[in-house]
Amino acid sequence: MKNIVFLILVILDLIIIFSLTYYFKIINQQQCMILLILSFIIVLLIKDLFKINYF
């Protein structure tokens, strides 16, 4: 059950990141990579907050 919640969080986070990149028309690959790394860090923080043992 917790794994499903974590996956939903990851998917939502990725959707937000890609919608932001589309909204700001960020085509630069480096900026996209930075955003993806930031999103991954955010997901890890959320995982720690909810104590979800996914990894």
N, C-alpha and C. Protein backbone atom coordinates (compact mmCIF):
# COMPACT_ATOMS: atom_id res chain seq x y z
N MET A 1 0.83 -1.20 0.00
CA MET A 1 0.00 0.00 0.00
C MET A 1 0.87 1.26 0.00
N LYS A 2 1.90 1.27 0.86
CA LYS A 2 2.77 2.44 0.92
C LYS A 2 3.55 2.61 -0.38
N ASN A 3 3.88 1.50 -1.02
CA ASN A 3 4.60 1.59 -2.29
C ASN A 3 3.76 2.29 -3.34
N ILE A 4 2.46 1.99 -3.35
CA ILE A 4 1.55 2.62 -4.32
C ILE A 4 1.48 4.12 -4.07
N VAL A 5 1.38 4.50 -2.79
CA VAL A 5 1.33 5.93 -2.44
C VAL A 5 2.61 6.63 -2.90
N PHE A 6 3.74 5.97 -2.67
CA PHE A 6 5.02 6.55 -3.07
C PHE A 6 5.10 6.71 -4.59
N LEU A 7 4.64 5.71 -5.32
CA LEU A 7 4.65 5.80 -6.79
C LEU A 7 3.76 6.94 -7.27
N ILE A 8 2.60 7.11 -6.63
CA ILE A 8 1.71 8.21 -6.99
C ILE A 8 2.40 9.55 -6.75
N LEU A 9 3.10 9.67 -5.63
CA LEU A 9 3.84 10.90 -5.33
C LEU A 9 4.90 11.17 -6.38
N VAL A 10 5.62 10.13 -6.77
CA VAL A 10 6.66 10.29 -7.79
C VAL A 10 6.06 10.75 -9.11
N ILE A 11 4.96 10.12 -9.51
CA ILE A 11 4.31 10.47 -10.78
C ILE A 11 3.81 11.91 -10.75
N LEU A 12 3.17 12.30 -9.65
CA LEU A 12 2.69 13.67 -9.52
C LEU A 12 3.84 14.66 -9.59
N ASP A 13 4.93 14.33 -8.91
CA ASP A 13 6.08 15.22 -8.91
C ASP A 13 6.66 15.37 -10.31
N LEU A 14 6.77 14.28 -11.04
CA LEU A 14 7.29 14.34 -12.41
C LEU A 14 6.36 15.15 -13.32
N ILE A 15 5.05 14.97 -13.14
CA ILE A 15 4.09 15.73 -13.95
C ILE A 15 4.25 17.22 -13.68
N ILE A 16 4.41 17.59 -12.40
CA ILE A 16 4.60 19.00 -12.05
C ILE A 16 5.87 19.55 -12.67
N ILE A 17 6.96 18.78 -12.58
CA ILE A 17 8.24 19.23 -13.12
C ILE A 17 8.15 19.43 -14.63
N PHE A 18 7.57 18.46 -15.34
CA PHE A 18 7.50 18.57 -16.80
C PHE A 18 6.53 19.66 -17.24
N SER A 19 5.46 19.87 -16.47
CA SER A 19 4.55 20.96 -16.81
C SER A 19 5.23 22.31 -16.60
N LEU A 20 6.07 22.40 -15.55
CA LEU A 20 6.82 23.64 -15.34
C LEU A 20 7.81 23.87 -16.46
N THR A 21 8.50 22.82 -16.89
CA THR A 21 9.47 22.98 -17.98
C THR A 21 8.75 23.40 -19.26
N TYR A 22 7.55 22.84 -19.48
CA TYR A 22 6.80 23.22 -20.67
C TYR A 22 6.30 24.66 -20.55
N TYR A 23 5.84 25.03 -19.34
CA TYR A 23 5.29 26.37 -19.13
C TYR A 23 6.37 27.44 -19.33
N PHE A 24 7.54 27.20 -18.77
CA PHE A 24 8.63 28.17 -18.92
C PHE A 24 9.42 27.96 -20.20
N LYS A 25 9.02 26.97 -20.99
CA LYS A 25 9.66 26.65 -22.27
C LYS A 25 11.16 26.43 -22.09
N ILE A 26 11.47 25.64 -21.07
CA ILE A 26 12.87 25.29 -20.83
C ILE A 26 13.23 24.13 -21.74
N ILE A 27 14.01 24.40 -22.75
CA ILE A 27 14.40 23.35 -23.69
C ILE A 27 15.85 22.93 -23.41
N ASN A 28 16.55 23.77 -22.64
CA ASN A 28 17.95 23.49 -22.31
C ASN A 28 18.04 22.18 -21.54
N GLN A 29 18.86 21.28 -22.01
CA GLN A 29 18.94 19.94 -21.41
C GLN A 29 19.51 20.01 -20.00
N GLN A 30 20.46 20.92 -19.78
CA GLN A 30 21.08 21.02 -18.47
C GLN A 30 20.06 21.44 -17.42
N GLN A 31 19.21 22.41 -17.77
CA GLN A 31 18.19 22.86 -16.83
C GLN A 31 17.18 21.75 -16.54
N CYS A 32 16.85 20.96 -17.55
CA CYS A 32 15.94 19.83 -17.35
C CYS A 32 16.55 18.82 -16.39
N MET A 33 17.84 18.56 -16.55
CA MET A 33 18.52 17.61 -15.65
C MET A 33 18.53 18.13 -14.22
N ILE A 34 18.78 19.43 -14.07
CA ILE A 34 18.78 20.03 -12.73
C ILE A 34 17.40 19.88 -12.10
N LEU A 35 16.35 20.13 -12.88
CA LEU A 35 14.99 20.00 -12.36
C LEU A 35 14.69 18.56 -11.97
N LEU A 36 15.14 17.61 -12.78
CA LEU A 36 14.91 16.20 -12.46
C LEU A 36 15.63 15.80 -11.18
N ILE A 37 16.86 16.29 -11.01
CA ILE A 37 17.60 15.99 -9.78
C ILE A 37 16.88 16.61 -8.58
N LEU A 38 16.41 17.84 -8.74
CA LEU A 38 15.66 18.48 -7.66
C LEU A 38 14.40 17.70 -7.32
N SER A 39 13.70 17.24 -8.34
CA SER A 39 12.48 16.47 -8.10
C SER A 39 12.79 15.17 -7.37
N PHE A 40 13.91 14.54 -7.73
CA PHE A 40 14.30 13.30 -7.05
C PHE A 40 14.62 13.57 -5.58
N ILE A 41 15.30 14.69 -5.31
CA ILE A 41 15.60 15.06 -3.92
C ILE A 41 14.31 15.32 -3.16
N ILE A 42 13.36 16.00 -3.79
CA ILE A 42 12.07 16.27 -3.15
C ILE A 42 11.35 14.96 -2.82
N VAL A 43 11.38 14.02 -3.77
CA VAL A 43 10.75 12.72 -3.54
C VAL A 43 11.41 12.00 -2.37
N LEU A 44 12.73 12.05 -2.30
CA LEU A 44 13.44 11.42 -1.18
C LEU A 44 13.07 12.07 0.14
N LEU A 45 12.93 13.39 0.15
CA LEU A 45 12.53 14.09 1.37
C LEU A 45 11.12 13.68 1.79
N ILE A 46 10.21 13.59 0.81
CA ILE A 46 8.84 13.16 1.11
C ILE A 46 8.86 11.74 1.67
N LYS A 47 9.69 10.89 1.05
CA LYS A 47 9.80 9.50 1.52
C LYS A 47 10.27 9.45 2.97
N ASP A 48 11.24 10.28 3.31
CA ASP A 48 11.74 10.32 4.68
C ASP A 48 10.67 10.86 5.63
N LEU A 49 9.93 11.84 5.18
CA LEU A 49 8.89 12.43 6.03
C LEU A 49 7.81 11.40 6.37
N PHE A 50 7.40 10.64 5.37
CA PHE A 50 6.34 9.67 5.59
C PHE A 50 6.86 8.31 6.03
N LYS A 51 8.20 8.19 6.18
CA LYS A 51 8.82 6.93 6.61
C LYS A 51 8.37 5.77 5.73
N ILE A 52 8.39 6.01 4.42
CA ILE A 52 7.99 4.97 3.47
C ILE A 52 9.22 4.15 3.12
N ASN A 53 9.18 2.88 3.39
CA ASN A 53 10.30 2.00 3.08
C ASN A 53 10.13 1.45 1.67
N TYR A 54 10.54 2.26 0.69
CA TYR A 54 10.36 1.83 -0.70
C TYR A 54 11.64 1.24 -1.26
N PHE A 55 12.77 1.86 -0.92
CA PHE A 55 14.04 1.37 -1.45
C PHE A 55 14.60 0.30 -0.53
